Every structure is written in structure tokens, then in C-alpha cells.
Amino acid sequence: NLGYFTGGEDGYHEHPFVCSTPHILAIEGCQLLCPRVSPLVDLRIWVGTDAAVALQRGIYRDVHDYGLEPRRVDEMWREWVEREHRLLEKDDRRARADIVVE
């Protein structure tokens, strides 16, 4: 995140990762842990965040960084949270992770 690269604080906990292998592809997002993609990945990491904190961060980012209209952003995020909750109830992607960070 930006705080790590700039040396500043931004509210997130950063733990730099150093790897001796120069060929790394990092893919972000829970779709990485879906049944069709998960077997293709060498290392699966689930980073859990409290749902309320994730919602707050997403809304803040979309309004302040992307300049989107606050009311619409709030509606979109709340719809996304509902869909995500239903998805994870059907398919526990966290269970496919090799490493879980809470």
C-alpha cells in the first residue's frame, strides 16, 4: 500500500515480504481462491479484514480517491457486501488458503 512505498503511515499494518525468487506474480482479490483458479496458484493467502472496516475503507477510497458521489458509492458497496456474503456462504474460499492472516 501507499504508506509502505512512501515510508509514511496510512492506517494499515504493513509487513514487507522479501523473496529471493525474482519471478513472482501477485494477484489480488478473492477470485483467486475460486474453485477454477485456486488449483493453478502455488500459494494462496487469505487476508481477512473486519467487514465494517473493509466497507469503510472501500467507501472512503471511492469517494476521496476516485471522486465518486458518496450516496451512490454507499449503495454500491452495500450491494457488494450482500453479494459477497452470499458467495462466501456457498463457497468458503478462505478454506482454500495456504496461509490465513486475520
N, C-alpha and C. Protein backbone atom coordinates (compact mmCIF):
# COMPACT_ATOMS: atom_id res chain seq x y z
N ASN A 1 0.83 -1.17 0.00
CA ASN A 1 0.00 0.00 0.00
C ASN A 1 0.87 1.24 0.00
N LEU A 2 0.25 2.37 -0.20
CA LEU A 2 1.00 3.61 -0.41
C LEU A 2 1.90 3.95 0.77
N GLY A 3 1.44 3.72 1.99
CA GLY A 3 2.26 4.01 3.16
C GLY A 3 3.57 3.25 3.15
N TYR A 4 3.53 2.00 2.73
CA TYR A 4 4.74 1.18 2.68
C TYR A 4 5.74 1.76 1.67
N PHE A 5 5.24 2.14 0.49
CA PHE A 5 6.14 2.63 -0.55
C PHE A 5 6.69 4.02 -0.27
N THR A 6 5.93 4.84 0.45
CA THR A 6 6.38 6.20 0.72
C THR A 6 7.05 6.33 2.08
N GLY A 7 6.98 5.27 2.90
CA GLY A 7 7.56 5.32 4.23
C GLY A 7 6.66 6.01 5.24
N GLY A 8 5.43 6.32 4.84
CA GLY A 8 4.50 7.02 5.72
C GLY A 8 3.50 6.10 6.37
N GLU A 9 2.74 6.65 7.29
CA GLU A 9 1.67 5.92 7.95
C GLU A 9 0.37 6.16 7.19
N ASP A 10 -0.43 5.12 7.03
CA ASP A 10 -1.73 5.34 6.39
C ASP A 10 -2.83 4.50 7.02
N GLY A 11 -2.60 3.98 8.21
CA GLY A 11 -3.64 3.28 8.92
C GLY A 11 -3.65 1.78 8.72
N TYR A 12 -2.87 1.25 7.83
CA TYR A 12 -2.81 -0.17 7.60
C TYR A 12 -1.57 -0.75 8.27
N HIS A 13 -1.61 -2.02 8.59
CA HIS A 13 -0.45 -2.69 9.16
C HIS A 13 0.34 -3.31 8.01
N GLU A 14 1.57 -2.92 7.89
CA GLU A 14 2.38 -3.40 6.79
C GLU A 14 3.45 -4.35 7.27
N HIS A 15 3.63 -5.42 6.55
CA HIS A 15 4.66 -6.40 6.83
C HIS A 15 5.36 -6.70 5.51
N PRO A 16 6.47 -6.00 5.24
CA PRO A 16 7.16 -6.21 3.96
C PRO A 16 7.56 -7.67 3.77
N PHE A 17 7.47 -8.14 2.56
CA PHE A 17 7.80 -9.51 2.21
C PHE A 17 9.02 -9.47 1.32
N VAL A 18 10.04 -10.20 1.69
CA VAL A 18 11.26 -10.27 0.89
C VAL A 18 11.40 -11.70 0.39
N CYS A 19 11.59 -11.83 -0.91
CA CYS A 19 11.69 -13.16 -1.51
C CYS A 19 12.93 -13.20 -2.39
N SER A 20 13.66 -14.30 -2.32
CA SER A 20 14.87 -14.42 -3.13
C SER A 20 14.56 -14.81 -4.57
N THR A 21 13.33 -15.22 -4.84
CA THR A 21 12.94 -15.61 -6.20
C THR A 21 12.50 -14.36 -6.97
N PRO A 22 13.16 -14.04 -8.07
CA PRO A 22 12.83 -12.81 -8.78
C PRO A 22 11.57 -12.89 -9.64
N HIS A 23 10.99 -14.06 -9.82
CA HIS A 23 9.84 -14.20 -10.71
C HIS A 23 8.59 -14.48 -9.89
N ILE A 24 7.91 -13.39 -9.50
CA ILE A 24 6.72 -13.50 -8.68
C ILE A 24 5.58 -12.76 -9.37
N LEU A 25 4.42 -13.36 -9.37
CA LEU A 25 3.22 -12.71 -9.85
C LEU A 25 2.24 -12.71 -8.69
N ALA A 26 1.88 -11.53 -8.22
CA ALA A 26 0.93 -11.42 -7.12
C ALA A 26 -0.42 -11.01 -7.69
N ILE A 27 -1.44 -11.74 -7.32
CA ILE A 27 -2.79 -11.46 -7.80
C ILE A 27 -3.66 -11.15 -6.60
N GLU A 28 -4.37 -10.02 -6.63
CA GLU A 28 -5.18 -9.59 -5.51
C GLU A 28 -6.64 -9.92 -5.77
N GLY A 29 -7.32 -10.28 -4.72
CA GLY A 29 -8.76 -10.47 -4.81
C GLY A 29 -9.20 -11.87 -4.49
N CYS A 30 -10.43 -12.01 -4.04
CA CYS A 30 -10.93 -13.34 -3.62
C CYS A 30 -11.19 -14.26 -4.81
N GLN A 31 -11.26 -13.73 -6.02
CA GLN A 31 -11.48 -14.60 -7.18
C GLN A 31 -10.33 -15.57 -7.36
N LEU A 32 -9.18 -15.23 -6.82
CA LEU A 32 -8.02 -16.11 -6.87
C LEU A 32 -8.30 -17.44 -6.17
N LEU A 33 -9.17 -17.42 -5.18
CA LEU A 33 -9.47 -18.62 -4.41
C LEU A 33 -10.73 -19.34 -4.88
N CYS A 34 -11.24 -18.97 -6.04
CA CYS A 34 -12.42 -19.68 -6.55
C CYS A 34 -11.99 -21.08 -7.03
N PRO A 35 -12.92 -22.01 -7.09
CA PRO A 35 -12.58 -23.40 -7.41
C PRO A 35 -11.82 -23.60 -8.72
N ARG A 36 -12.10 -22.79 -9.74
CA ARG A 36 -11.45 -22.99 -11.04
C ARG A 36 -10.05 -22.41 -11.10
N VAL A 37 -9.77 -21.38 -10.32
CA VAL A 37 -8.47 -20.71 -10.38
C VAL A 37 -7.52 -21.23 -9.30
N SER A 38 -8.03 -21.52 -8.14
CA SER A 38 -7.21 -21.91 -7.00
C SER A 38 -6.18 -23.01 -7.29
N PRO A 39 -6.53 -24.07 -8.04
CA PRO A 39 -5.54 -25.11 -8.30
C PRO A 39 -4.35 -24.65 -9.15
N LEU A 40 -4.49 -23.52 -9.82
CA LEU A 40 -3.43 -23.02 -10.70
C LEU A 40 -2.41 -22.16 -9.97
N VAL A 41 -2.66 -21.89 -8.69
CA VAL A 41 -1.83 -20.97 -7.92
C VAL A 41 -0.95 -21.74 -6.95
N ASP A 42 0.31 -21.35 -6.86
CA ASP A 42 1.26 -22.04 -5.98
C ASP A 42 1.04 -21.73 -4.51
N LEU A 43 0.69 -20.50 -4.20
CA LEU A 43 0.50 -20.11 -2.81
C LEU A 43 -0.72 -19.21 -2.72
N ARG A 44 -1.66 -19.60 -1.87
CA ARG A 44 -2.90 -18.86 -1.71
C ARG A 44 -2.93 -18.26 -0.31
N ILE A 45 -3.10 -16.95 -0.24
CA ILE A 45 -3.10 -16.24 1.04
C ILE A 45 -4.44 -15.51 1.20
N TRP A 46 -5.10 -15.77 2.30
CA TRP A 46 -6.34 -15.06 2.63
C TRP A 46 -6.00 -14.01 3.68
N VAL A 47 -6.31 -12.75 3.38
CA VAL A 47 -6.11 -11.68 4.34
C VAL A 47 -7.50 -11.21 4.77
N GLY A 48 -7.85 -11.54 5.99
CA GLY A 48 -9.17 -11.20 6.50
C GLY A 48 -9.19 -9.81 7.11
N THR A 49 -10.26 -9.11 6.86
CA THR A 49 -10.48 -7.79 7.43
C THR A 49 -11.91 -7.75 7.94
N ASP A 50 -12.12 -7.13 9.08
CA ASP A 50 -13.46 -6.96 9.60
C ASP A 50 -14.34 -6.32 8.52
N ALA A 51 -15.55 -6.86 8.33
CA ALA A 51 -16.43 -6.40 7.25
C ALA A 51 -16.73 -4.90 7.35
N ALA A 52 -16.95 -4.41 8.55
CA ALA A 52 -17.25 -2.98 8.72
C ALA A 52 -16.05 -2.12 8.34
N VAL A 53 -14.85 -2.58 8.68
CA VAL A 53 -13.63 -1.84 8.33
C VAL A 53 -13.43 -1.85 6.81
N ALA A 54 -13.63 -2.99 6.19
CA ALA A 54 -13.47 -3.08 4.73
C ALA A 54 -14.48 -2.18 4.02
N LEU A 55 -15.71 -2.16 4.51
CA LEU A 55 -16.74 -1.30 3.93
C LEU A 55 -16.34 0.17 4.06
N GLN A 56 -15.90 0.56 5.24
CA GLN A 56 -15.48 1.93 5.48
C GLN A 56 -14.31 2.32 4.56
N ARG A 57 -13.33 1.45 4.45
CA ARG A 57 -12.16 1.74 3.60
C ARG A 57 -12.57 1.87 2.13
N GLY A 58 -13.43 0.97 1.67
CA GLY A 58 -13.86 1.00 0.27
C GLY A 58 -14.62 2.26 -0.07
N ILE A 59 -15.54 2.63 0.81
CA ILE A 59 -16.32 3.84 0.57
C ILE A 59 -15.41 5.06 0.59
N TYR A 60 -14.54 5.13 1.56
CA TYR A 60 -13.60 6.26 1.65
C TYR A 60 -12.77 6.37 0.37
N ARG A 61 -12.21 5.25 -0.07
CA ARG A 61 -11.36 5.26 -1.27
C ARG A 61 -12.14 5.74 -2.48
N ASP A 62 -13.34 5.20 -2.68
CA ASP A 62 -14.10 5.54 -3.87
C ASP A 62 -14.53 7.01 -3.88
N VAL A 63 -14.85 7.54 -2.71
CA VAL A 63 -15.26 8.95 -2.63
C VAL A 63 -14.06 9.88 -2.71
N HIS A 64 -13.03 9.62 -1.89
CA HIS A 64 -11.91 10.57 -1.78
C HIS A 64 -10.84 10.39 -2.85
N ASP A 65 -10.57 9.15 -3.24
CA ASP A 65 -9.52 8.93 -4.24
C ASP A 65 -10.07 8.96 -5.67
N TYR A 66 -11.27 8.43 -5.85
CA TYR A 66 -11.84 8.36 -7.20
C TYR A 66 -12.85 9.46 -7.48
N GLY A 67 -13.26 10.21 -6.45
CA GLY A 67 -14.17 11.34 -6.64
C GLY A 67 -15.60 10.95 -6.97
N LEU A 68 -16.02 9.77 -6.56
CA LEU A 68 -17.38 9.33 -6.85
C LEU A 68 -18.37 9.92 -5.86
N GLU A 69 -19.63 9.95 -6.25
CA GLU A 69 -20.70 10.56 -5.44
C GLU A 69 -20.97 9.69 -4.21
N PRO A 70 -20.88 10.26 -3.00
CA PRO A 70 -20.95 9.48 -1.77
C PRO A 70 -22.20 8.61 -1.62
N ARG A 71 -23.37 9.12 -1.91
CA ARG A 71 -24.59 8.32 -1.72
C ARG A 71 -24.59 7.10 -2.63
N ARG A 72 -24.19 7.28 -3.87
CA ARG A 72 -24.17 6.16 -4.82
C ARG A 72 -23.09 5.15 -4.43
N VAL A 73 -21.95 5.63 -3.98
CA VAL A 73 -20.88 4.74 -3.54
C VAL A 73 -21.35 3.89 -2.37
N ASP A 74 -22.03 4.50 -1.42
CA ASP A 74 -22.55 3.77 -0.26
C ASP A 74 -23.51 2.67 -0.71
N GLU A 75 -24.41 2.99 -1.62
CA GLU A 75 -25.36 2.00 -2.13
C GLU A 75 -24.64 0.85 -2.84
N MET A 76 -23.67 1.19 -3.70
CA MET A 76 -22.94 0.16 -4.44
C MET A 76 -22.19 -0.77 -3.49
N TRP A 77 -21.53 -0.18 -2.49
CA TRP A 77 -20.76 -1.01 -1.57
C TRP A 77 -21.66 -1.91 -0.74
N ARG A 78 -22.79 -1.41 -0.30
CA ARG A 78 -23.71 -2.23 0.50
C ARG A 78 -24.25 -3.39 -0.34
N GLU A 79 -24.53 -3.15 -1.61
CA GLU A 79 -24.95 -4.23 -2.51
C GLU A 79 -23.82 -5.24 -2.67
N TRP A 80 -22.60 -4.75 -2.83
CA TRP A 80 -21.45 -5.65 -2.99
C TRP A 80 -21.27 -6.52 -1.75
N VAL A 81 -21.40 -5.92 -0.56
CA VAL A 81 -21.25 -6.66 0.69
C VAL A 81 -22.26 -7.80 0.77
N GLU A 82 -23.49 -7.52 0.39
CA GLU A 82 -24.53 -8.57 0.41
C GLU A 82 -24.19 -9.70 -0.56
N ARG A 83 -23.78 -9.35 -1.77
CA ARG A 83 -23.41 -10.38 -2.76
C ARG A 83 -22.20 -11.19 -2.29
N GLU A 84 -21.21 -10.50 -1.74
CA GLU A 84 -20.01 -11.17 -1.26
C GLU A 84 -20.34 -12.14 -0.12
N HIS A 85 -21.21 -11.70 0.78
CA HIS A 85 -21.61 -12.55 1.90
C HIS A 85 -22.30 -13.83 1.40
N ARG A 86 -23.21 -13.66 0.44
CA ARG A 86 -23.90 -14.84 -0.12
C ARG A 86 -22.92 -15.76 -0.83
N LEU A 87 -21.98 -15.21 -1.57
CA LEU A 87 -20.98 -16.00 -2.28
C LEU A 87 -20.14 -16.82 -1.30
N LEU A 88 -19.67 -16.17 -0.24
CA LEU A 88 -18.80 -16.86 0.71
C LEU A 88 -19.56 -17.88 1.56
N GLU A 89 -20.87 -17.70 1.71
CA GLU A 89 -21.67 -18.73 2.39
C GLU A 89 -21.73 -20.00 1.55
N LYS A 90 -21.78 -19.85 0.23
CA LYS A 90 -21.86 -21.00 -0.68
C LYS A 90 -20.49 -21.64 -0.90
N ASP A 91 -19.45 -20.83 -0.92
CA ASP A 91 -18.11 -21.29 -1.26
C ASP A 91 -17.10 -20.66 -0.32
N ASP A 92 -16.64 -21.42 0.66
CA ASP A 92 -15.70 -20.92 1.66
C ASP A 92 -14.30 -20.82 1.06
N ARG A 93 -14.03 -19.73 0.40
CA ARG A 93 -12.74 -19.53 -0.27
C ARG A 93 -11.60 -19.44 0.72
N ARG A 94 -11.88 -18.95 1.89
CA ARG A 94 -10.87 -18.86 2.95
C ARG A 94 -10.29 -20.24 3.24
N ALA A 95 -11.11 -21.26 3.16
CA ALA A 95 -10.67 -22.64 3.46
C ALA A 95 -9.63 -23.13 2.45
N ARG A 96 -9.58 -22.53 1.26
CA ARG A 96 -8.59 -22.95 0.25
C ARG A 96 -7.24 -22.28 0.44
N ALA A 97 -7.15 -21.34 1.33
CA ALA A 97 -5.90 -20.60 1.53
C ALA A 97 -4.86 -21.47 2.20
N ASP A 98 -3.63 -21.31 1.77
CA ASP A 98 -2.50 -21.97 2.42
C ASP A 98 -2.10 -21.22 3.68
N ILE A 99 -2.28 -19.91 3.65
CA ILE A 99 -1.95 -19.05 4.76
C ILE A 99 -3.16 -18.14 5.01
N VAL A 100 -3.53 -18.01 6.27
CA VAL A 100 -4.62 -17.11 6.65
C VAL A 100 -4.06 -16.05 7.59
N VAL A 101 -4.30 -14.79 7.25
CA VAL A 101 -3.87 -13.67 8.06
C VAL A 101 -5.13 -12.93 8.48
N GLU A 102 -5.32 -12.80 9.77
CA GLU A 102 -6.52 -12.08 10.27
C GLU A 102 -6.13 -10.77 10.88
